[in-house]
Amino acid sequence: MRFCSLLLFASSLAGLAAAGPMVRKRASFGLQNGQEAQRLNAKFASLSASSPCTAGEVACVGGAFAQCLDGKFVTFPCSGGLTCVALPLVNSPGTSITCDTEADAAERIARTGASGGLRGREIEARAEFLLQNGKDAQALNRKFKSLHADSPCQDGENACVDGGFGQCVGGKFVVAPCNTGLTCFALPLVLSPGTSLVCDTEADVQARIAATGAGGLLG
């Protein structure tokens, strides 16, 4: 019995010794992953559907997941309340592009030790753009009220059309309906300048825009 206990103790020590280098290795790429995710999110903020791209390239464009086909980004909107972001991997070097909330993405990046939030900006700077984001969302929602599937548009343009997510193809909007109970709206981003188009409830959109200090859905 004593021999068995000693054997188990020795095995435990060996396991801890082996785990040490693994933990140090993970820490060595964790921070780099966080900083790379910030760099990508900052890059994605400057992209639009008409931005030049390389075939097969994936990115976040206007809050949607995007893939480059024939030199142009084709976008796929995230589900209600989510936006496309780059996230740091946890168990290996690298990043992933996925749909998430901005708050969760910022928290995941912060866990790596990377400072400055989603795009490497200081959180204190948030107030500078938050109100403007709310006003921009209101302006878009007012514009969207007048749009229909046959409204003229520019190729690659995204909009909310008749309650669904619309993308302009060949000068006409192709509309993908939202899930039951949801409607397409423009929402203000929380951690960076800009807006995103999502399927959400009107009550939640009202609350999110009001939280910026801009007022209601349409201003």
C-alpha atoms as a PDB file:
ATOM      1  CA  MET A   1       0.000   0.000   0.000  1.00  0.00           C
ATOM      2  CA  ARG A   2       2.838   2.346   0.886  1.00  0.00           C
ATOM      3  CA  PHE A   3       4.585   1.532  -2.374  1.00  0.00           C
ATOM      4  CA  CYS A   4       1.396   2.308  -4.311  1.00  0.00           C
ATOM      5  CA  SER A   5       1.050   5.700  -2.562  1.00  0.00           C
ATOM      6  CA  LEU A   6       4.656   6.579  -3.328  1.00  0.00           C
ATOM      7  CA  LEU A   7       4.131   5.613  -6.954  1.00  0.00           C
ATOM      8  CA  LEU A   8       1.046   7.841  -7.244  1.00  0.00           C
ATOM      9  CA  PHE A   9       2.912  10.744  -5.601  1.00  0.00           C
ATOM     10  CA  ALA A  10       5.809  10.375  -8.009  1.00  0.00           C
ATOM     11  CA  SER A  11       3.418  10.269 -10.954  1.00  0.00           C
ATOM     12  CA  SER A  12       1.738  13.481  -9.760  1.00  0.00           C
ATOM     13  CA  LEU A  13       5.089  15.259  -9.519  1.00  0.00           C
ATOM     14  CA  ALA A  14       5.987  14.108 -13.007  1.00  0.00           C
ATOM     15  CA  GLY A  15       2.676  15.420 -14.316  1.00  0.00           C
ATOM     16  CA  LEU A  16       3.221  18.832 -12.736  1.00  0.00           C
ATOM     17  CA  ALA A  17       6.753  19.008 -14.103  1.00  0.00           C
ATOM     18  CA  ALA A  18       5.492  18.195 -17.592  1.00  0.00           C
ATOM     19  CA  ALA A  19       2.703  20.773 -17.341  1.00  0.00           C
ATOM     20  CA  GLY A  20       5.120  23.587 -16.501  1.00  0.00           C
ATOM     21  CA  PRO A  21       6.619  23.997 -19.994  1.00  0.00           C
ATOM     22  CA  MET A  22       3.132  23.720 -21.555  1.00  0.00           C
ATOM     23  CA  VAL A  23       1.829  26.598 -19.436  1.00  0.00           C
ATOM     24  CA  ARG A  24       4.858  28.743 -20.285  1.00  0.00           C
ATOM     25  CA  LYS A  25       4.458  27.920 -23.988  1.00  0.00           C
ATOM     26  CA  ARG A  26       0.781  28.913 -23.912  1.00  0.00           C
ATOM     27  CA  ALA A  27       1.610  32.221 -22.214  1.00  0.00           C
ATOM     28  CA  SER A  28       4.208  32.965 -24.881  1.00  0.00           C
ATOM     29  CA  PHE A  29       1.637  32.942 -27.700  1.00  0.00           C
ATOM     30  CA  GLY A  30      -1.414  34.114 -25.725  1.00  0.00           C
ATOM     31  CA  LEU A  31      -0.446  37.782 -25.725  1.00  0.00           C
ATOM     32  CA  GLN A  32       0.609  37.643 -29.368  1.00  0.00           C
ATOM     33  CA  ASN A  33      -2.760  36.108 -30.296  1.00  0.00           C
ATOM     34  CA  GLY A  34      -4.573  38.924 -28.494  1.00  0.00           C
ATOM     35  CA  GLN A  35      -2.537  41.616 -30.229  1.00  0.00           C
ATOM     36  CA  GLU A  36      -3.035  39.944 -33.619  1.00  0.00           C
ATOM     37  CA  ALA A  37      -6.808  39.834 -33.027  1.00  0.00           C
ATOM     38  CA  GLN A  38      -6.716  43.570 -32.234  1.00  0.00           C
ATOM     39  CA  ARG A  39      -4.742  44.268 -35.419  1.00  0.00           C
ATOM     40  CA  LEU A  40      -7.252  42.327 -37.507  1.00  0.00           C
ATOM     41  CA  ASN A  41     -10.256  44.041 -35.896  1.00  0.00           C
ATOM     42  CA  ALA A  42      -8.673  47.439 -36.587  1.00  0.00           C
ATOM     43  CA  LYS A  43      -8.097  46.406 -40.218  1.00  0.00           C
ATOM     44  CA  PHE A  44     -11.660  45.104 -40.607  1.00  0.00           C
ATOM     45  CA  ALA A  45     -13.050  48.442 -39.399  1.00  0.00           C
ATOM     46  CA  SER A  46     -11.736  50.074 -42.577  1.00  0.00           C
ATOM     47  CA  LEU A  47     -13.162  47.489 -45.002  1.00  0.00           C
ATOM     48  CA  SER A  48     -16.318  47.756 -47.073  1.00  0.00           C
ATOM     49  CA  ALA A  49     -18.012  45.391 -49.510  1.00  0.00           C
ATOM     50  CA  SER A  50     -16.233  47.206 -52.368  1.00  0.00           C
ATOM     51  CA  SER A  51     -12.743  46.919 -50.823  1.00  0.00           C
ATOM     52  CA  PRO A  52     -10.226  45.023 -53.013  1.00  0.00           C
ATOM     53  CA  CYS A  53      -9.454  41.512 -51.779  1.00  0.00           C
ATOM     54  CA  THR A  54      -7.705  38.274 -52.686  1.00  0.00           C
ATOM     55  CA  ALA A  55      -9.694  35.188 -53.698  1.00  0.00           C
ATOM     56  CA  GLY A  56     -10.403  33.039 -50.636  1.00  0.00           C
ATOM     57  CA  GLU A  57      -9.630  35.834 -48.160  1.00  0.00           C
ATOM     58  CA  VAL A  58     -11.982  35.987 -45.163  1.00  0.00           C
ATOM     59  CA  ALA A  59     -12.674  39.085 -43.081  1.00  0.00           C
ATOM     60  CA  CYS A  60     -15.313  40.999 -41.154  1.00  0.00           C
ATOM     61  CA  VAL A  61     -17.026  43.646 -43.295  1.00  0.00           C
ATOM     62  CA  GLY A  62     -19.655  45.955 -41.848  1.00  0.00           C
ATOM     63  CA  GLY A  63     -20.224  43.606 -38.925  1.00  0.00           C
ATOM     64  CA  ALA A  64     -20.795  40.591 -41.194  1.00  0.00           C
ATOM     65  CA  PHE A  65     -18.607  37.593 -42.031  1.00  0.00           C
ATOM     66  CA  ALA A  66     -17.157  38.085 -45.506  1.00  0.00           C
ATOM     67  CA  GLN A  67     -15.349  35.934 -48.064  1.00  0.00           C
ATOM     68  CA  CYS A  68     -13.615  37.205 -51.179  1.00  0.00           C
ATOM     69  CA  LEU A  69     -15.002  35.845 -54.455  1.00  0.00           C
ATOM     70  CA  ASP A  70     -13.798  37.137 -57.820  1.00  0.00           C
ATOM     71  CA  GLY A  71     -12.054  40.095 -56.193  1.00  0.00           C
ATOM     72  CA  LYS A  72     -15.082  41.259 -54.173  1.00  0.00           C
ATOM     73  CA  PHE A  73     -16.302  40.521 -50.665  1.00  0.00           C
ATOM     74  CA  VAL A  74     -19.520  38.532 -50.328  1.00  0.00           C
ATOM     75  CA  THR A  75     -20.967  39.103 -46.860  1.00  0.00           C
ATOM     76  CA  PHE A  76     -22.987  36.821 -44.598  1.00  0.00           C
ATOM     77  CA  PRO A  77     -24.706  38.665 -41.715  1.00  0.00           C
ATOM     78  CA  CYS A  78     -24.416  37.403 -38.149  1.00  0.00           C
ATOM     79  CA  SER A  79     -27.540  36.411 -36.221  1.00  0.00           C
ATOM     80  CA  GLY A  80     -29.383  38.862 -33.971  1.00  0.00           C
ATOM     81  CA  GLY A  81     -27.251  40.817 -31.508  1.00  0.00           C
ATOM     82  CA  LEU A  82     -23.916  39.477 -32.806  1.00  0.00           C
ATOM     83  CA  THR A  83     -21.211  41.028 -34.954  1.00  0.00           C
ATOM     84  CA  CYS A  84     -18.225  39.583 -36.797  1.00  0.00           C
ATOM     85  CA  VAL A  85     -14.906  39.821 -34.915  1.00  0.00           C
ATOM     86  CA  ALA A  86     -11.431  38.313 -34.808  1.00  0.00           C
ATOM     87  CA  LEU A  87     -10.764  36.355 -31.605  1.00  0.00           C
ATOM     88  CA  PRO A  88      -7.490  35.020 -30.172  1.00  0.00           C
ATOM     89  CA  LEU A  89      -7.106  31.237 -30.062  1.00  0.00           C
ATOM     90  CA  VAL A  90      -6.587  29.809 -26.579  1.00  0.00           C
ATOM     91  CA  ASN A  91      -4.649  26.553 -27.011  1.00  0.00           C
ATOM     92  CA  SER A  92      -2.507  27.340 -30.049  1.00  0.00           C
ATOM     93  CA  PRO A  93      -1.011  30.324 -31.881  1.00  0.00           C
ATOM     94  CA  GLY A  94      -3.386  32.217 -34.149  1.00  0.00           C
ATOM     95  CA  THR A  95      -6.818  33.808 -34.388  1.00  0.00           C
ATOM     96  CA  SER A  96     -10.305  32.894 -35.592  1.00  0.00           C
ATOM     97  CA  ILE A  97     -13.042  34.964 -37.225  1.00  0.00           C
ATOM     98  CA  THR A  98     -16.502  34.427 -35.794  1.00  0.00           C
ATOM     99  CA  CYS A  99     -19.784  36.074 -34.790  1.00  0.00           C
ATOM    100  CA  ASP A 100     -19.838  37.224 -31.161  1.00  0.00           C
ATOM    101  CA  THR A 101     -20.821  40.179 -29.012  1.00  0.00           C
ATOM    102  CA  GLU A 102     -18.282  43.011 -28.891  1.00  0.00           C
ATOM    103  CA  ALA A 103     -18.243  42.819 -25.088  1.00  0.00           C
ATOM    104  CA  ASP A 104     -17.330  39.111 -25.068  1.00  0.00           C
ATOM    105  CA  ALA A 105     -14.693  39.608 -27.768  1.00  0.00           C
ATOM    106  CA  ALA A 106     -13.089  42.451 -25.796  1.00  0.00           C
ATOM    107  CA  GLU A 107     -13.048  40.287 -22.660  1.00  0.00           C
ATOM    108  CA  ARG A 108     -11.404  37.370 -24.474  1.00  0.00           C
ATOM    109  CA  ILE A 109      -8.720  39.675 -25.856  1.00  0.00           C
ATOM    110  CA  ALA A 110      -8.146  41.230 -22.422  1.00  0.00           C
ATOM    111  CA  ARG A 111      -7.547  37.738 -20.951  1.00  0.00           C
ATOM    112  CA  THR A 112      -4.479  37.380 -23.173  1.00  0.00           C
ATOM    113  CA  GLY A 113      -2.916  40.440 -21.524  1.00  0.00           C
ATOM    114  CA  ALA A 114      -3.378  42.655 -24.586  1.00  0.00           C
ATOM    115  CA  SER A 115      -4.475  46.139 -23.520  1.00  0.00           C
ATOM    116  CA  GLY A 116      -6.669  48.569 -25.415  1.00  0.00           C
ATOM    117  CA  GLY A 117      -9.865  46.569 -25.992  1.00  0.00           C
ATOM    118  CA  LEU A 118     -11.212  45.171 -29.241  1.00  0.00           C
ATOM    119  CA  ARG A 119      -8.960  47.125 -31.607  1.00  0.00           C
ATOM    120  CA  GLY A 120      -6.138  48.214 -29.336  1.00  0.00           C
ATOM    121  CA  ARG A 121      -7.886  51.440 -28.341  1.00  0.00           C
ATOM    122  CA  GLU A 122      -8.150  52.563 -24.755  1.00  0.00           C
ATOM    123  CA  ILE A 123     -11.579  52.038 -23.196  1.00  0.00           C
ATOM    124  CA  GLU A 124     -11.637  55.656 -21.989  1.00  0.00           C
ATOM    125  CA  ALA A 125     -11.895  56.803 -25.606  1.00  0.00           C
ATOM    126  CA  ARG A 126     -15.248  55.051 -25.964  1.00  0.00           C
ATOM    127  CA  ALA A 127     -17.321  58.071 -24.911  1.00  0.00           C
ATOM    128  CA  GLU A 128     -15.893  60.084 -27.797  1.00  0.00           C
ATOM    129  CA  PHE A 129     -17.678  57.989 -30.418  1.00  0.00           C
ATOM    130  CA  LEU A 130     -20.563  56.349 -28.546  1.00  0.00           C
ATOM    131  CA  LEU A 131     -23.053  59.199 -29.016  1.00  0.00           C
ATOM    132  CA  GLN A 132     -22.092  59.560 -32.684  1.00  0.00           C
ATOM    133  CA  ASN A 133     -22.629  55.822 -33.188  1.00  0.00           C
ATOM    134  CA  GLY A 134     -26.150  56.198 -31.802  1.00  0.00           C
ATOM    135  CA  LYS A 135     -26.926  59.108 -34.125  1.00  0.00           C
ATOM    136  CA  ASP A 136     -25.501  57.243 -37.120  1.00  0.00           C
ATOM    137  CA  ALA A 137     -27.694  54.217 -36.297  1.00  0.00           C
ATOM    138  CA  GLN A 138     -30.751  56.482 -36.097  1.00  0.00           C
ATOM    139  CA  ALA A 139     -29.948  58.043 -39.486  1.00  0.00           C
ATOM    140  CA  LEU A 140     -29.593  54.610 -41.084  1.00  0.00           C
ATOM    141  CA  ASN A 141     -32.858  53.357 -39.577  1.00  0.00           C
ATOM    142  CA  ARG A 142     -34.657  56.437 -40.940  1.00  0.00           C
ATOM    143  CA  LYS A 143     -33.167  55.758 -44.378  1.00  0.00           C
ATOM    144  CA  PHE A 144     -34.106  52.075 -44.256  1.00  0.00           C
ATOM    145  CA  LYS A 145     -37.770  52.921 -43.599  1.00  0.00           C
ATOM    146  CA  SER A 146     -38.035  54.240 -47.171  1.00  0.00           C
ATOM    147  CA  LEU A 147     -36.288  51.308 -48.893  1.00  0.00           C
ATOM    148  CA  HIS A 148     -37.936  48.446 -50.783  1.00  0.00           C
ATOM    149  CA  ALA A 149     -36.635  45.506 -52.789  1.00  0.00           C
ATOM    150  CA  ASP A 150     -36.905  47.525 -56.013  1.00  0.00           C
ATOM    151  CA  SER A 151     -35.134  50.625 -54.622  1.00  0.00           C
ATOM    152  CA  PRO A 152     -32.004  51.613 -56.620  1.00  0.00           C
ATOM    153  CA  CYS A 153     -28.722  50.662 -54.941  1.00  0.00           C
ATOM    154  CA  GLN A 154     -24.977  50.289 -55.461  1.00  0.00           C
ATOM    155  CA  ASP A 155     -23.530  46.786 -55.861  1.00  0.00           C
ATOM    156  CA  GLY A 156     -22.263  45.512 -52.499  1.00  0.00           C
ATOM    157  CA  GLU A 157     -24.424  47.950 -50.511  1.00  0.00           C
ATOM    158  CA  ASN A 158     -26.022  46.461 -47.384  1.00  0.00           C
ATOM    159  CA  ALA A 159     -29.254  47.741 -45.866  1.00  0.00           C
ATOM    160  CA  CYS A 160     -32.373  46.748 -43.973  1.00  0.00           C
ATOM    161  CA  VAL A 161     -35.147  46.351 -46.549  1.00  0.00           C
ATOM    162  CA  ASP A 162     -38.766  45.605 -45.616  1.00  0.00           C
ATOM    163  CA  GLY A 163     -37.578  44.182 -42.286  1.00  0.00           C
ATOM    164  CA  GLY A 164     -34.985  41.827 -43.792  1.00  0.00           C
ATOM    165  CA  PHE A 165     -31.241  42.045 -44.457  1.00  0.00           C
ATOM    166  CA  GLY A 166     -30.698  43.341 -47.995  1.00  0.00           C
ATOM    167  CA  GLN A 167     -27.601  43.203 -50.173  1.00  0.00           C
ATOM    168  CA  CYS A 168     -27.406  44.973 -53.517  1.00  0.00           C
ATOM    169  CA  VAL A 169     -26.627  42.635 -56.413  1.00  0.00           C
ATOM    170  CA  GLY A 170     -26.847  43.884 -59.986  1.00  0.00           C
ATOM    171  CA  GLY A 171     -28.457  47.141 -58.917  1.00  0.00           C
ATOM    172  CA  LYS A 172     -31.260  45.465 -56.928  1.00  0.00           C
ATOM    173  CA  PHE A 173     -31.616  44.417 -53.307  1.00  0.00           C
ATOM    174  CA  VAL A 174     -31.636  40.693 -52.575  1.00  0.00           C
ATOM    175  CA  VAL A 175     -33.408  40.373 -49.222  1.00  0.00           C
ATOM    176  CA  ALA A 176     -32.836  37.635 -46.634  1.00  0.00           C
ATOM    177  CA  PRO A 177     -35.662  37.626 -44.057  1.00  0.00           C
ATOM    178  CA  CYS A 178     -34.887  37.647 -40.333  1.00  0.00           C
ATOM    179  CA  ASN A 179     -36.004  34.839 -38.034  1.00  0.00           C
ATOM    180  CA  THR A 180     -39.518  34.978 -36.580  1.00  0.00           C
ATOM    181  CA  GLY A 181     -40.008  37.870 -34.178  1.00  0.00           C
ATOM    182  CA  LEU A 182     -36.901  39.740 -35.328  1.00  0.00           C
ATOM    183  CA  THR A 183     -36.443  42.665 -37.712  1.00  0.00           C
ATOM    184  CA  CYS A 184     -33.367  44.112 -39.396  1.00  0.00           C
ATOM    185  CA  PHE A 185     -32.031  47.312 -37.777  1.00  0.00           C
ATOM    186  CA  ALA A 186     -28.875  49.392 -37.609  1.00  0.00           C
ATOM    187  CA  LEU A 187     -27.252  49.196 -34.173  1.00  0.00           C
ATOM    188  CA  PRO A 188     -24.493  51.376 -32.695  1.00  0.00           C
ATOM    189  CA  LEU A 189     -21.209  49.600 -31.971  1.00  0.00           C
ATOM    190  CA  VAL A 190     -20.187  49.787 -28.320  1.00  0.00           C
ATOM    191  CA  LEU A 191     -16.406  49.511 -28.259  1.00  0.00           C
ATOM    192  CA  SER A 192     -15.463  51.246 -31.504  1.00  0.00           C
ATOM    193  CA  PRO A 193     -16.797  53.841 -33.961  1.00  0.00           C
ATOM    194  CA  GLY A 194     -19.449  52.630 -36.377  1.00  0.00           C
ATOM    195  CA  THR A 195     -22.677  50.672 -36.707  1.00  0.00           C
ATOM    196  CA  SER A 196     -23.727  47.137 -37.591  1.00  0.00           C
ATOM    197  CA  LEU A 197     -26.804  45.678 -39.259  1.00  0.00           C
ATOM    198  CA  VAL A 198     -28.446  42.875 -37.308  1.00  0.00           C
ATOM    199  CA  CYS A 199     -31.767  41.109 -36.835  1.00  0.00           C
ATOM    200  CA  ASP A 200     -33.080  42.076 -33.403  1.00  0.00           C
ATOM    201  CA  THR A 201     -36.233  43.077 -31.539  1.00  0.00           C
ATOM    202  CA  GLU A 202     -37.306  46.704 -31.783  1.00  0.00           C
ATOM    203  CA  ALA A 203     -37.313  46.987 -27.980  1.00  0.00           C
ATOM    204  CA  ASP A 204     -33.675  45.884 -27.718  1.00  0.00           C
ATOM    205  CA  VAL A 205     -32.614  48.259 -30.499  1.00  0.00           C
ATOM    206  CA  GLN A 206     -34.410  51.133 -28.764  1.00  0.00           C
ATOM    207  CA  ALA A 207     -32.547  50.352 -25.528  1.00  0.00           C
ATOM    208  CA  ARG A 208     -29.146  50.063 -27.217  1.00  0.00           C
ATOM    209  CA  ILE A 209     -29.484  53.377 -29.052  1.00  0.00           C
ATOM    210  CA  ALA A 210     -30.841  55.096 -25.935  1.00  0.00           C
ATOM    211  CA  ALA A 211     -27.786  53.863 -24.003  1.00  0.00           C
ATOM    212  CA  THR A 212     -25.561  55.999 -26.252  1.00  0.00           C
ATOM    213  CA  GLY A 213     -27.462  59.127 -25.256  1.00  0.00           C
ATOM    214  CA  ALA A 214     -28.917  59.603 -28.750  1.00  0.00           C
ATOM    215  CA  GLY A 215     -32.581  58.928 -27.889  1.00  0.00           C
ATOM    216  CA  GLY A 216     -34.935  56.519 -29.671  1.00  0.00           C
ATOM    217  CA  LEU A 217     -34.915  54.304 -32.730  1.00  0.00           C
ATOM    218  CA  LEU A 218     -35.196  57.053 -35.335  1.00  0.00           C
ATOM    219  CA  GLY A 219     -34.063  60.077 -33.334  1.00  0.00           C
END
